[in-house]
């Protein structure tokens, strides 16, 4: 499957005006989020249109809006002008295995699988999915069952971003293997993970750009790499802006709404409250919303709130939550597209690929109370 590149040529005057009208700085990389905002549809619908995903019942009007928005923003994709039948097929042919440690309890796994499924089907391949629970007995049997089914390649995924120790039986498989959301210390396999440090930095920098200097953050469980990296990004953004780090403004959570609620109440009890709270996932932000409303505070007039993950509920909160996208859909597609780079025997070393956690601006961030009315920073985002 061919990867859809961003445009590198200059935009026309009309395209430039369209870019500004849709809130994107000229010269920045166009994302599917930008196109979805301009076309007035979901990012999933944009993915279906730009990838020519077969079997999707999208109206002709939606397809036209997406293609027109993509062109106006400078997103040039071969599939916009090339019928699917004329695209170069992938060399892999047949069945691709997808082993994940947790499936039933994780929306991230479902999104990644859907991205892999789209890319697989577009190349004429079937995706065969299995859950392993990282069980020392059942995982080897599961991988053996997949390999016995005639898979031509394997994607190995973990729900939590982390370093893994790949067992010998996977090294011994005579098929390409790509790691999704995990990596090994020997870099023997192509691997893709979210760019969490940059994501945490971008989220915090967005709050700083609105004039906030006293910014709190509610983290996830500290043993998790995602929580560590997002906190690192938060601290880097503060340091870059010459804002002193205050450990009093960092509250440990566990990714849950209840933790978000209790952490927010702690922050509100401080002698000097923060003016903005960076919740390191959206469920934490839900609890944060409840605590702020219970305290009689308005979002974003009295407190700006930033989330992370871009779960579906974000757009339905009041006000809709500004957040960052976890790129699991794109990671699933990337894994399929890079199976052919997984050379055999496993003597090559691969650099870990990190995909952008792009910002989704909604209505939960504004300038701190007391900022000058009419200032650019006073606009909600």
Protein backbone atom coordinates (compact mmCIF):
# COMPACT_ATOMS: atom_id res chain seq x y z
CA UNK A 1 0.00 0.00 0.00
CA UNK A 2 1.35 3.38 -0.93
CA UNK A 3 1.75 5.92 1.81
CA UNK A 4 -0.06 9.22 1.26
CA UNK A 5 2.56 11.98 1.32
CA UNK A 6 1.99 15.54 2.43
CA UNK A 7 2.35 18.19 -0.25
CA UNK A 8 5.74 19.76 -0.74
CA UNK A 9 4.83 22.30 -3.43
CA UNK A 10 3.66 25.88 -2.90
CA UNK A 11 0.02 26.60 -2.22
CA UNK A 12 -1.98 28.86 -4.49
CA UNK A 13 -3.38 32.11 -3.13
CA UNK A 14 -6.80 30.50 -2.79
CA UNK A 15 -5.30 27.51 -0.99
CA UNK A 16 -3.38 29.84 1.34
CA UNK A 17 -6.56 31.68 2.25
CA UNK A 18 -8.33 28.37 2.83
CA UNK A 19 -5.51 27.22 5.10
CA UNK A 20 -5.75 30.37 7.21
CA UNK A 21 -9.54 30.14 7.26
CA UNK A 22 -9.30 26.63 8.69
CA UNK A 23 -6.85 27.66 11.44
CA UNK A 24 -3.66 26.07 10.08
CA UNK A 25 -0.43 27.98 9.71
CA UNK A 26 0.93 27.96 6.19
CA UNK A 27 3.97 25.69 5.97
CA UNK A 28 2.94 23.32 8.77
CA UNK A 29 2.34 19.66 7.99
CA UNK A 30 -1.24 18.89 6.98
CA UNK A 31 -2.88 16.15 9.05
CA UNK A 32 -6.11 14.23 8.68
CA UNK A 33 -7.36 16.19 11.70
CA UNK A 34 -6.93 19.42 9.69
CA UNK A 35 -8.87 17.96 6.78
CA UNK A 36 -11.63 16.61 9.05
CA UNK A 37 -12.07 20.06 10.62
CA UNK A 38 -12.20 21.77 7.22
CA UNK A 39 -14.60 19.19 5.75
CA UNK A 40 -16.85 19.04 8.80
CA UNK A 41 -16.59 15.29 9.27
CA UNK A 42 -14.75 12.74 11.41
CA UNK A 43 -11.06 11.86 11.06
CA UNK A 44 -12.16 8.26 10.37
CA UNK A 45 -14.23 9.42 7.38
CA UNK A 46 -11.21 11.33 6.06
CA UNK A 47 -9.07 8.18 6.39
CA UNK A 48 -11.67 6.14 4.49
CA UNK A 49 -11.79 8.65 1.63
CA UNK A 50 -8.06 9.31 1.29
CA UNK A 51 -7.20 5.61 1.51
CA UNK A 52 -9.96 4.62 -0.93
CA UNK A 53 -11.18 2.12 1.65
CA UNK A 54 -13.61 -0.23 -0.10
CA UNK A 55 -17.04 -1.05 1.29
CA UNK A 56 -17.49 2.24 3.19
CA UNK A 57 -20.96 3.75 2.72
CA UNK A 58 -20.03 7.40 2.67
CA UNK A 59 -22.21 9.87 0.77
CA UNK A 60 -20.84 11.39 -2.43
CA UNK A 61 -21.17 14.81 -0.76
CA UNK A 62 -18.89 13.74 2.11
CA UNK A 63 -16.31 12.32 -0.28
CA UNK A 64 -16.35 15.53 -2.32
CA UNK A 65 -15.95 17.71 0.81
CA UNK A 66 -12.99 15.66 2.03
CA UNK A 67 -11.21 15.67 -1.35
CA UNK A 68 -11.81 19.40 -1.81
CA UNK A 69 -10.61 20.20 1.73
CA UNK A 70 -7.50 18.06 1.20
CA UNK A 71 -6.66 19.85 -2.03
CA UNK A 72 -7.26 23.32 -0.58
CA UNK A 73 -5.01 22.54 2.39
CA UNK A 74 -2.26 21.25 0.12
CA UNK A 75 -2.61 17.56 1.01
CA UNK A 76 -1.68 15.84 -2.25
CA UNK A 77 -2.51 12.14 -2.29
CA UNK A 78 -2.11 9.74 -5.22
CA UNK A 79 -5.42 8.06 -4.38
CA UNK A 80 -7.33 11.29 -5.07
CA UNK A 81 -6.67 10.90 -8.77
CA UNK A 82 -5.68 7.24 -9.14
CA UNK A 83 -8.30 4.48 -9.02
CA UNK A 84 -7.56 1.74 -6.44
CA UNK A 85 -7.15 -0.88 -9.15
CA UNK A 86 -4.20 1.06 -10.61
CA UNK A 87 -2.27 1.37 -7.35
CA UNK A 88 0.79 -0.84 -6.95
CA UNK A 89 -0.15 -3.85 -4.80
CA UNK A 90 1.94 -4.84 -1.79
CA UNK A 91 4.29 -7.76 -2.29
CA UNK A 92 2.83 -9.61 0.69
CA UNK A 93 -0.04 -11.80 -0.36
CA UNK A 94 -2.43 -13.82 1.78
CA UNK A 95 -2.84 -13.65 5.56
CA UNK A 96 -1.19 -11.27 8.02
CA UNK A 97 -1.20 -12.20 11.71
CA UNK A 98 -1.87 -9.63 14.42
CA UNK A 99 -1.08 -10.66 18.02
CA UNK A 100 -2.00 -8.25 20.84
CA UNK A 101 -1.69 -8.74 24.59
CA UNK A 102 -5.06 -7.14 25.48
CA UNK A 103 -7.98 -6.66 23.15
CA UNK A 104 -11.32 -6.91 24.97
CA UNK A 105 -10.60 -4.08 27.44
CA UNK A 106 -8.68 -1.68 25.20
CA UNK A 107 -10.07 0.79 22.64
CA UNK A 108 -6.48 1.51 21.52
CA UNK A 109 -6.07 -2.06 20.28
CA UNK A 110 -9.31 -1.89 18.31
CA UNK A 111 -8.24 1.37 16.64
CA UNK A 112 -4.80 -0.03 15.74
CA UNK A 113 -6.36 -3.21 14.36
CA UNK A 114 -8.73 -1.15 12.23
CA UNK A 115 -5.81 0.82 10.80
CA UNK A 116 -4.00 -2.43 10.01
CA UNK A 117 -7.17 -3.94 8.57
CA UNK A 118 -7.67 -1.01 6.18
CA UNK A 119 -4.09 -1.18 4.94
CA UNK A 120 -4.22 -4.98 4.64
CA UNK A 121 -7.46 -5.08 2.70
CA UNK A 122 -6.32 -2.31 0.35
CA UNK A 123 -3.38 -4.57 -0.57
CA UNK A 124 -5.59 -7.67 -0.87
CA UNK A 125 -4.47 -9.30 2.38
CA UNK A 126 -6.57 -10.76 5.21
CA UNK A 127 -5.82 -9.78 8.83
CA UNK A 128 -6.04 -12.57 11.41
CA UNK A 129 -6.20 -11.23 15.01
CA UNK A 130 -5.48 -13.05 18.28
CA UNK A 131 -5.27 -11.99 21.94
CA UNK A 132 -2.39 -13.38 23.99
CA UNK A 133 -2.68 -11.71 27.45
CA UNK A 134 1.13 -12.11 27.54
CA UNK A 135 0.47 -15.53 29.06
CA UNK A 136 3.73 -17.56 29.16
CA UNK A 137 1.91 -20.74 28.15
CA UNK A 138 -0.90 -19.51 25.89
CA UNK A 139 1.03 -16.84 23.97
CA UNK A 140 3.43 -19.35 22.34
CA UNK A 141 0.46 -21.58 21.47
CA UNK A 142 -1.37 -18.57 20.02
CA UNK A 143 1.61 -17.55 17.86
CA UNK A 144 1.99 -21.16 16.74
CA UNK A 145 -1.70 -21.27 15.76
CA UNK A 146 -1.29 -18.08 13.73
CA UNK A 147 1.82 -19.38 11.98
CA UNK A 148 0.10 -22.71 11.27
CA UNK A 149 -2.66 -20.74 9.54
CA UNK A 150 -0.21 -19.76 6.83
CA UNK A 151 0.43 -16.13 7.81
CA UNK A 152 2.98 -14.37 5.61
CA UNK A 153 3.89 -11.76 8.27
CA UNK A 154 3.16 -10.87 11.90
CA UNK A 155 2.39 -7.67 13.82
CA UNK A 156 3.10 -7.95 17.54
CA UNK A 157 1.37 -5.31 19.71
CA UNK A 158 1.27 -4.37 23.38
CA UNK A 159 -1.32 -2.03 24.90
CA UNK A 160 1.14 -0.20 27.13
CA UNK A 161 4.07 1.44 25.34
CA UNK A 162 7.13 -0.36 26.64
CA UNK A 163 10.31 -2.28 25.95
CA UNK A 164 9.62 -5.99 25.54
CA UNK A 165 11.72 -9.13 25.61
CA UNK A 166 10.79 -11.05 22.51
CA UNK A 167 10.93 -14.82 23.11
CA UNK A 168 13.15 -17.00 20.95
CA UNK A 169 10.24 -18.60 19.11
CA UNK A 170 9.41 -15.22 17.54
CA UNK A 171 13.01 -14.66 16.44
CA UNK A 172 12.90 -18.09 14.85
CA UNK A 173 9.78 -17.42 12.77
CA UNK A 174 10.77 -17.24 9.12
CA UNK A 175 8.41 -14.34 8.34
CA UNK A 176 8.61 -10.53 8.63
CA UNK A 177 7.64 -9.16 12.08
CA UNK A 178 6.82 -5.56 13.04
CA UNK A 179 6.36 -4.36 16.63
CA UNK A 180 3.47 -1.98 17.37
CA UNK A 181 3.52 0.19 20.52
CA UNK A 182 6.57 -1.68 21.81
CA UNK A 183 10.24 -2.20 20.96
CA UNK A 184 13.24 -4.36 21.86
CA UNK A 185 16.62 -3.38 23.27
CA UNK A 186 18.42 -5.00 20.32
CA UNK A 187 16.33 -3.13 17.69
CA UNK A 188 15.99 -6.34 15.68
CA UNK A 189 12.48 -5.50 14.44
CA UNK A 190 10.87 -2.44 12.87
CA UNK A 191 8.89 -0.75 15.67
CA UNK A 192 6.41 2.13 15.90
CA UNK A 193 5.28 3.99 19.03
CA UNK A 194 3.55 7.33 19.78
CA UNK A 195 5.81 10.36 20.16
CA UNK A 196 4.76 10.89 23.77
CA UNK A 197 7.45 13.35 24.89
CA UNK A 198 6.69 15.63 21.96
CA UNK A 199 2.96 15.15 22.62
CA UNK A 200 3.27 16.25 26.25
CA UNK A 201 5.41 19.19 25.17
CA UNK A 202 2.93 20.29 22.49
CA UNK A 203 -0.02 20.09 24.90
CA UNK A 204 1.75 22.16 27.55
CA UNK A 205 3.07 24.63 25.00
CA UNK A 206 -0.49 25.17 23.79
CA UNK A 207 -1.49 26.27 27.30
CA UNK A 208 1.58 28.50 27.55
CA UNK A 209 0.71 30.13 24.21
CA UNK A 210 -2.59 31.26 25.75
CA UNK A 211 -0.76 33.07 28.53
CA UNK A 212 -0.75 30.41 31.26
CA UNK A 213 2.27 30.17 33.55
CA UNK A 214 0.87 28.29 36.50
CA UNK A 215 0.06 25.02 34.78
CA UNK A 216 -0.74 21.85 36.72
CA UNK A 217 -0.66 18.32 35.37
CA UNK A 218 -2.39 15.13 36.51
CA UNK A 219 -0.27 12.17 35.46
CA UNK A 220 -0.93 8.51 34.87
CA UNK A 221 0.64 5.71 36.86
CA UNK A 222 4.35 6.58 37.16
CA UNK A 223 5.60 3.09 36.24
CA UNK A 224 4.14 3.46 32.76
CA UNK A 225 6.37 4.84 30.02
CA UNK A 226 3.55 6.95 28.57
CA UNK A 227 3.13 8.75 31.90
CA UNK A 228 6.88 9.28 32.24
CA UNK A 229 7.24 10.61 28.70
CA UNK A 230 4.23 12.97 28.87
CA UNK A 231 5.58 14.38 32.13
CA UNK A 232 8.99 14.84 30.49
CA UNK A 233 7.31 16.75 27.65
CA UNK A 234 5.45 18.91 30.19
CA UNK A 235 8.69 19.79 31.98
CA UNK A 236 10.50 20.53 28.71
CA UNK A 237 7.78 22.93 27.61
CA UNK A 238 7.99 24.79 30.92
CA UNK A 239 11.78 24.96 30.74
CA UNK A 240 11.72 26.23 27.15
CA UNK A 241 9.36 29.02 28.24
CA UNK A 242 11.51 29.83 31.31
CA UNK A 243 8.69 28.82 33.65
CA UNK A 244 10.02 27.26 36.87
CA UNK A 245 8.95 23.68 37.54
CA UNK A 246 6.77 23.41 40.66
CA UNK A 247 6.36 19.83 41.96
CA UNK A 248 3.33 21.03 43.91
CA UNK A 249 1.49 21.29 40.59
CA UNK A 250 2.14 17.64 39.62
CA UNK A 251 -0.47 15.24 41.00
CA UNK A 252 -0.15 11.50 40.45
CA UNK A 253 -3.24 9.78 39.02
CA UNK A 254 -4.10 6.42 37.53
CA UNK A 255 -5.77 7.41 34.24
CA UNK A 256 -9.29 7.20 35.76
CA UNK A 257 -12.05 9.81 36.06
CA UNK A 258 -12.14 9.36 39.83
CA UNK A 259 -8.40 10.11 40.04
CA UNK A 260 -8.96 13.19 37.91
CA UNK A 261 -11.66 14.38 40.28
CA UNK A 262 -9.61 13.88 43.47
CA UNK A 263 -6.45 15.36 41.93
CA UNK A 264 -8.34 18.46 40.79
CA UNK A 265 -9.77 18.96 44.28
CA UNK A 266 -6.20 18.87 45.64
CA UNK A 267 -5.11 21.47 43.13
CA UNK A 268 -8.06 23.71 44.01
CA UNK A 269 -7.05 23.57 47.69
CA UNK A 270 -3.62 25.06 47.01
CA UNK A 271 -3.01 28.58 48.35
CA UNK A 272 -2.26 29.66 44.77
CA UNK A 273 -4.39 27.72 42.33
CA UNK A 274 -3.22 26.86 38.81
CA UNK A 275 -4.88 28.63 35.89
CA UNK A 276 -4.73 25.55 33.65
CA UNK A 277 -4.67 21.77 34.13
CA UNK A 278 -3.06 19.34 31.70
CA UNK A 279 -4.82 15.99 32.24
CA UNK A 280 -2.64 13.29 30.77
CA UNK A 281 -5.60 11.37 29.41
CA UNK A 282 -9.21 12.18 28.57
CA UNK A 283 -10.77 10.06 31.30
CA UNK A 284 -8.80 12.03 33.87
CA UNK A 285 -10.16 15.19 32.25
CA UNK A 286 -13.74 13.97 32.73
CA UNK A 287 -13.15 13.80 36.48
CA UNK A 288 -11.42 17.18 36.34
CA UNK A 289 -14.50 18.69 34.67
CA UNK A 290 -16.76 17.33 37.41
CA UNK A 291 -14.57 18.72 40.20
CA UNK A 292 -14.39 22.16 38.59
CA UNK A 293 -18.14 22.32 38.05
CA UNK A 294 -18.77 21.18 41.62
CA UNK A 295 -16.50 24.02 42.80
CA UNK A 296 -18.55 26.50 40.78
CA UNK A 297 -15.78 27.18 38.26
CA UNK A 298 -16.36 27.60 34.54
CA UNK A 299 -14.24 26.04 31.77
CA UNK A 300 -12.30 27.76 30.22
CA UNK A 301 -13.17 31.15 31.77
CA UNK A 302 -11.95 30.21 35.25
CA UNK A 303 -9.75 27.21 34.42
CA UNK A 304 -8.41 25.86 31.14
CA UNK A 305 -8.32 22.08 30.76
CA UNK A 306 -6.25 20.00 28.34
CA UNK A 307 -6.76 16.27 27.72
CA UNK A 308 -4.84 13.55 25.87
CA UNK A 309 -5.95 10.57 23.70
CA UNK A 310 -8.90 12.15 21.79
CA UNK A 311 -11.50 9.60 22.83
CA UNK A 312 -14.95 9.99 21.24
CA UNK A 313 -16.45 11.51 24.39
CA UNK A 314 -14.17 14.58 24.15
CA UNK A 315 -16.30 16.30 21.54
CA UNK A 316 -19.46 15.73 23.62
CA UNK A 317 -18.18 17.26 26.86
CA UNK A 318 -19.34 20.78 27.75
CA UNK A 319 -17.28 22.56 26.62
CA UNK A 320 -15.70 20.17 24.08
CA UNK A 321 -12.25 19.12 25.28
CA UNK A 322 -9.02 20.27 23.65
CA UNK A 323 -6.79 17.20 23.52
CA UNK A 324 -4.10 15.28 21.60
CA UNK A 325 -4.57 12.29 19.31
CA UNK A 326 -3.04 8.94 20.13
CA UNK A 327 -2.07 7.82 16.60
CA UNK A 328 -3.01 4.14 16.90
CA UNK A 329 -4.91 4.15 13.60
CA UNK A 330 -1.85 5.50 11.80
CA UNK A 331 0.41 3.10 13.74
CA UNK A 332 -1.64 0.13 12.52
CA UNK A 333 -1.36 1.36 8.94
CA UNK A 334 2.38 2.01 9.37
CA UNK A 335 2.95 -1.52 10.65
CA UNK A 336 1.37 -3.04 7.54
CA UNK A 337 3.23 -0.71 5.19
CA UNK A 338 6.61 -1.58 6.76
CA UNK A 339 6.31 -5.35 6.92
CA UNK A 340 8.34 -5.59 3.73
CA UNK A 341 11.25 -3.76 5.39
CA UNK A 342 11.57 -6.45 8.08
CA UNK A 343 14.47 -8.29 6.51
CA UNK A 344 15.36 -11.95 7.13
CA UNK A 345 17.56 -13.15 8.74
CA UNK A 346 17.26 -10.67 11.61
CA UNK A 347 20.69 -9.08 11.33
CA UNK A 348 19.63 -5.52 10.54
CA UNK A 349 18.98 -2.92 13.28
CA UNK A 350 15.98 -0.61 13.04
CA UNK A 351 15.46 2.85 14.50
CA UNK A 352 12.23 3.19 16.50
CA UNK A 353 9.64 5.20 14.56
CA UNK A 354 7.64 7.71 16.60
CA UNK A 355 4.37 9.07 15.20
CA UNK A 356 3.02 12.52 16.04
CA UNK A 357 0.34 12.98 18.72
CA UNK A 358 -1.27 15.94 16.98
CA UNK A 359 -3.26 18.61 18.82
CA UNK A 360 -7.07 18.77 18.49
CA UNK A 361 -8.22 22.29 19.39
CA UNK A 362 -11.73 22.58 20.78
CA UNK A 363 -13.17 24.93 23.42
CA UNK A 364 -11.63 24.08 26.81
CA UNK A 365 -8.58 26.36 26.61
CA UNK A 366 -8.55 30.16 26.85
CA UNK A 367 -6.40 32.90 28.35
CA UNK A 368 -6.28 33.11 32.15
CA UNK A 369 -8.95 35.17 33.88
CA UNK A 370 -7.98 38.82 33.82
CA UNK A 371 -6.15 38.69 30.51
CA UNK A 372 -6.75 41.58 28.15
CA UNK A 373 -9.97 41.19 26.18
CA UNK A 374 -9.33 41.04 22.44
CA UNK A 375 -5.83 39.65 22.81
CA UNK A 376 -5.02 36.85 20.39
CA UNK A 377 -4.28 34.64 23.36
CA UNK A 378 -7.72 35.23 24.78
CA UNK A 379 -9.34 33.20 22.01
CA UNK A 380 -10.75 29.82 22.99
CA UNK A 381 -9.07 26.79 21.47
